[in-house]
Every structure is written in structure tokens, then in C-alpha cells.
Amino acid sequence: MTPAKFWDGVSAKYAKMAIRNPEQYYLSLERTRSYLRPEDRVMELGCGTGSTALLLAPGVALYTGSDVSPGMIAIANGKLAEAGQSNLDFIVADADSDALGTGYDAVLAHNLLHLVDDLPATLRHVHDITRDGGLLISKTPCFKSKRWLLGPLIWVMQRLGKAPDVRFIGPDELEQEIAAAGFEVIEAEDYGSRYIVARKG
């Protein structure tokens, strides 16, 4: 099953889910907001149903949310129509797509990097679409230490079509991959998941 097909299949259910850890979510949201400026152009990769985009877009000049799932983007566009946020748009595109454009002041990847097929290639593409001095702001579940426990369970769920492909990565390895793609890590914290801010150039 392709990622787009999987996320399309769960998009309606996903849209109704409550935030699992609201305190950690809003802490990371505020940290992200502190790095964004009113003049910034922002790209969010793996935006899902657009909830985070709708909260962050009012603080920047232009904000684009992208996701591989047309189903997720359809829900996001429905939310956008109700909110009427004029500087925000949503597009269907994966994290490696040329359709994303270039020259972003900040690229966000929240709950995405553990799901991509080729992490080094994705990070290189993020580097390419970020302007010099721009930021990659990511939040990533790092499951490597729990692989012995979660691996078999996720494998079974994948066979049943109930889970996506997951990369088991540790926080140190993730930071190394981000640095190898040409970014300098300037903040790394734990907000339920590993929260990393890294600057290009």
C-alpha cells in the first residue's frame, strides 16, 4: 500500500482524533512560533488535515501546507474555507516533490521524518528548498530504543493495513542525518517527540 493510499484511508478518522498530548503539542507549537517572523514564507511538509497550519499561518506572510494524501488535503481545504485564512494554501505533494517550490524561510516537518522512505534524500531536498540562513523545524517520534517492543506490533498492523511504514531512528542519529544534509542544529528538545531546529548555511 502506498503512503498516499494509507493516509487517504484513515484521513476521516484522523481528522476526528484528539491531540494525544496537548501540553507537549502546544509547547512545541509555541517554540515553532517563536522562530517565525511576519515576513516569512513557510512550507509545512506532511501537514495532514491542516490543524497546525491554521494555528501558525496568522504569524507569517505566506504559509503552504503539503501532504502526500489527497484525502488529508481535502479536509484541510474544508477547514481553510471556514477559517478564511488568506495567506494559507494547501497542496498535494510528497516531501521530495519539485512542486513544493523553493526559497522558504522555514520548512516544518512535524511527525513526518520517521515515515519517509529515504530520510537522507528527503533532508537533502529540504535543504534545497530552504533559503540560505533558513530553518528546518522538525518534531519526530524516535522509536529506536523501543524497536524490540514496537517492531512486531507495527509489522502486524501494517499487514492489516492499520499502520504506515515507520523508520526506527534514535535522536542522535536523526541529528546526524540533519547535519549531514547541510544544516546546523541550533535547538534539540524533547516535547513527547524529538524537537529539532536547524539552520541552513
Protein backbone atom coordinates (compact mmCIF):
# COMPACT_ATOMS: atom_id res chain seq x y z
CA MET A 1 0.00 0.00 0.00
CA THR A 2 1.37 3.41 -0.94
CA PRO A 3 1.61 6.15 1.73
CA ALA A 4 -0.99 8.22 -0.13
CA LYS A 5 -3.46 5.33 -0.17
CA PHE A 6 -2.89 4.54 3.51
CA TRP A 7 -3.38 8.13 4.68
CA ASP A 8 -6.36 8.62 2.39
CA GLY A 9 -7.94 5.61 4.06
CA VAL A 10 -7.52 6.97 7.58
CA SER A 11 -7.99 10.69 6.83
CA ALA A 12 -11.57 10.98 8.10
CA LYS A 13 -10.76 9.13 11.33
CA TYR A 14 -7.52 11.09 11.74
CA ALA A 15 -9.40 14.40 11.46
CA LYS A 16 -11.61 13.43 14.42
CA MET A 17 -8.78 12.32 16.71
CA ALA A 18 -7.98 14.39 19.78
CA ILE A 19 -4.41 15.62 20.27
CA ARG A 20 -2.67 12.84 22.22
CA ASN A 21 -0.55 15.09 24.40
CA PRO A 22 -1.95 18.65 24.28
CA GLU A 23 0.61 20.11 26.70
CA GLN A 24 3.59 18.88 24.66
CA TYR A 25 1.88 19.83 21.38
CA TYR A 26 1.31 23.43 22.45
CA LEU A 27 4.81 23.73 23.92
CA SER A 28 6.33 22.71 20.58
CA LEU A 29 3.86 24.96 18.76
CA GLU A 30 4.98 27.96 20.81
CA ARG A 31 8.65 27.13 20.22
CA THR A 32 7.97 26.96 16.49
CA ARG A 33 6.04 30.22 16.54
CA SER A 34 8.98 31.91 18.29
CA TYR A 35 11.20 31.20 15.27
CA LEU A 36 8.76 32.50 12.66
CA ARG A 37 8.68 36.14 11.56
CA PRO A 38 5.86 38.18 9.99
CA GLU A 39 7.72 38.38 6.67
CA ASP A 40 8.47 34.64 6.39
CA ARG A 41 7.43 32.20 3.68
CA VAL A 42 6.80 28.82 5.29
CA MET A 43 6.38 25.30 3.89
CA GLU A 44 4.92 22.59 6.11
CA LEU A 45 5.61 19.05 4.93
CA GLY A 46 3.17 16.34 5.93
CA CYS A 47 0.59 18.87 7.11
CA GLY A 48 -2.18 16.28 7.46
CA THR A 49 -5.57 17.92 7.91
CA GLY A 50 -4.09 21.38 8.37
CA SER A 51 -4.65 21.98 12.09
CA THR A 52 -1.12 23.21 12.82
CA ALA A 53 -1.02 25.27 9.63
CA LEU A 54 -4.17 27.14 10.63
CA LEU A 55 -2.63 28.00 14.00
CA LEU A 56 0.74 29.17 12.66
CA ALA A 57 -0.23 30.89 9.39
CA PRO A 58 -1.52 34.12 11.02
CA GLY A 59 2.02 34.92 12.18
CA VAL A 60 3.77 34.79 8.78
CA ALA A 61 3.48 36.30 5.30
CA LEU A 62 2.78 33.12 3.31
CA TYR A 63 2.21 29.57 4.50
CA THR A 64 1.82 26.44 2.37
CA GLY A 65 0.85 23.07 3.79
CA SER A 66 1.66 19.98 1.75
CA ASP A 67 0.76 16.34 2.16
CA VAL A 68 1.02 13.20 0.05
CA SER A 69 -2.64 12.37 0.79
CA PRO A 70 -5.39 13.99 -1.32
CA GLY A 71 -7.85 12.96 1.39
CA MET A 72 -5.96 14.85 4.07
CA ILE A 73 -5.66 17.93 1.86
CA ALA A 74 -9.38 17.85 1.04
CA ILE A 75 -10.15 18.04 4.77
CA ALA A 76 -7.55 20.78 5.23
CA ASN A 77 -9.12 22.81 2.44
CA GLY A 78 -12.51 22.41 4.09
CA LYS A 79 -11.10 23.85 7.30
CA LEU A 80 -9.45 26.65 5.33
CA ALA A 81 -12.73 27.58 3.66
CA GLU A 82 -14.32 28.00 7.09
CA ALA A 83 -11.37 29.91 8.56
CA GLY A 84 -10.81 32.22 5.60
CA GLN A 85 -7.07 32.49 6.19
CA SER A 86 -5.96 34.37 3.05
CA ASN A 87 -2.19 33.75 3.30
CA LEU A 88 -2.54 29.96 3.59
CA ASP A 89 -2.89 27.31 0.91
CA PHE A 90 -2.66 23.52 0.74
CA ILE A 91 -1.20 21.31 -1.98
CA VAL A 92 -0.92 17.58 -2.63
CA ALA A 93 2.78 16.74 -2.86
CA ASP A 94 5.28 14.45 -1.19
CA ALA A 95 8.31 15.76 0.65
CA ASP A 96 10.64 15.17 -2.32
CA SER A 97 8.47 16.84 -4.96
CA ASP A 98 9.66 19.69 -7.17
CA ALA A 99 6.09 21.02 -6.90
CA LEU A 100 6.97 22.36 -3.44
CA GLY A 101 8.90 25.27 -4.88
CA THR A 102 11.99 26.84 -3.29
CA GLY A 103 13.26 29.77 -1.24
CA TYR A 104 11.41 29.14 2.02
CA ASP A 105 12.43 30.92 5.21
CA ALA A 106 11.28 27.91 7.24
CA VAL A 107 10.36 24.34 6.38
CA LEU A 108 8.37 22.44 9.00
CA ALA A 109 8.29 18.65 9.27
CA HIS A 110 6.22 17.67 12.28
CA ASN A 111 5.64 13.93 12.75
CA LEU A 112 6.96 13.18 9.26
CA LEU A 113 10.65 12.26 9.16
CA HIS A 114 10.15 8.81 10.71
CA LEU A 115 7.71 7.99 7.89
CA VAL A 116 9.70 8.91 4.76
CA ASP A 117 11.21 6.18 2.55
CA ASP A 118 14.65 7.77 2.16
CA LEU A 119 15.48 10.13 5.03
CA PRO A 120 18.83 11.42 3.66
CA ALA A 121 17.25 12.19 0.26
CA THR A 122 14.29 13.94 1.90
CA LEU A 123 16.58 16.06 4.06
CA ARG A 124 18.70 17.00 1.05
CA HIS A 125 15.54 18.14 -0.74
CA VAL A 126 14.51 20.16 2.29
CA HIS A 127 17.94 21.76 2.20
CA ASP A 128 17.44 22.61 -1.49
CA ILE A 129 14.09 24.33 -0.96
CA THR A 130 15.23 26.32 2.09
CA ARG A 131 16.89 29.69 1.56
CA ASP A 132 20.40 30.30 2.93
CA GLY A 133 20.02 31.01 6.63
CA GLY A 134 16.55 29.48 6.66
CA LEU A 135 15.30 26.93 9.16
CA LEU A 136 14.22 23.31 9.27
CA ILE A 137 11.91 22.82 12.25
CA SER A 138 11.02 19.20 12.90
CA LYS A 139 9.36 17.06 15.53
CA THR A 140 9.96 13.34 15.18
CA PRO A 141 8.99 10.26 17.20
CA CYS A 142 12.26 8.42 17.83
CA PHE A 143 11.36 4.76 18.37
CA LYS A 144 14.77 3.10 18.02
CA SER A 145 15.11 2.19 21.71
CA LYS A 146 11.63 0.61 21.63
CA ARG A 147 12.05 -1.28 18.38
CA TRP A 148 12.06 -4.65 20.15
CA LEU A 149 8.62 -3.84 21.55
CA LEU A 150 7.00 -1.79 18.78
CA GLY A 151 8.54 -3.50 15.76
CA PRO A 152 6.49 -6.72 15.84
CA LEU A 153 3.28 -4.84 16.68
CA ILE A 154 3.73 -2.35 13.85
CA TRP A 155 4.62 -5.18 11.46
CA VAL A 156 1.32 -6.93 12.22
CA MET A 157 -0.64 -3.68 11.94
CA GLN A 158 0.99 -2.93 8.59
CA ARG A 159 -0.09 -6.33 7.27
CA LEU A 160 -3.64 -5.46 8.31
CA GLY A 161 -3.45 -2.04 6.66
CA LYS A 162 -3.64 -0.31 10.04
CA ALA A 163 -0.19 1.31 10.18
CA PRO A 164 2.17 3.09 7.78
CA ASP A 165 5.81 2.21 7.21
CA VAL A 166 7.85 3.51 10.14
CA ARG A 167 11.57 4.25 10.39
CA PHE A 168 13.10 3.31 13.75
CA ILE A 169 15.58 6.09 14.41
CA GLY A 170 17.25 7.45 17.53
CA PRO A 171 17.54 11.15 18.40
CA ASP A 172 21.33 11.24 17.94
CA GLU A 173 21.07 9.51 14.57
CA LEU A 174 18.37 11.96 13.48
CA GLU A 175 20.53 14.95 14.40
CA GLN A 176 23.45 13.42 12.49
CA GLU A 177 21.29 12.95 9.40
CA ILE A 178 20.10 16.56 9.58
CA ALA A 179 23.67 17.81 9.94
CA ALA A 180 24.82 15.61 7.05
CA ALA A 181 22.22 17.27 4.82
CA GLY A 182 23.87 20.65 5.41
CA PHE A 183 22.06 22.04 8.44
CA GLU A 184 23.44 23.22 11.78
CA VAL A 185 21.34 22.05 14.72
CA ILE A 186 20.61 25.05 16.96
CA GLU A 187 17.99 23.54 19.28
CA ALA A 188 17.11 19.99 20.27
CA GLU A 189 14.49 19.26 22.92
CA ASP A 190 12.01 16.57 23.86
CA TYR A 191 8.34 17.50 23.59
CA GLY A 192 6.97 13.98 23.57
CA SER A 193 8.91 13.60 20.30
CA ARG A 194 12.37 14.91 19.40
CA TYR A 195 12.04 18.59 18.51
CA ILE A 196 14.90 19.95 16.38
CA VAL A 197 15.55 23.36 14.90
CA ALA A 198 18.38 23.53 12.36
CA ARG A 199 19.72 26.35 10.21
CA LYS A 200 20.93 26.13 6.61
CA GLY A 201 24.36 27.58 5.87
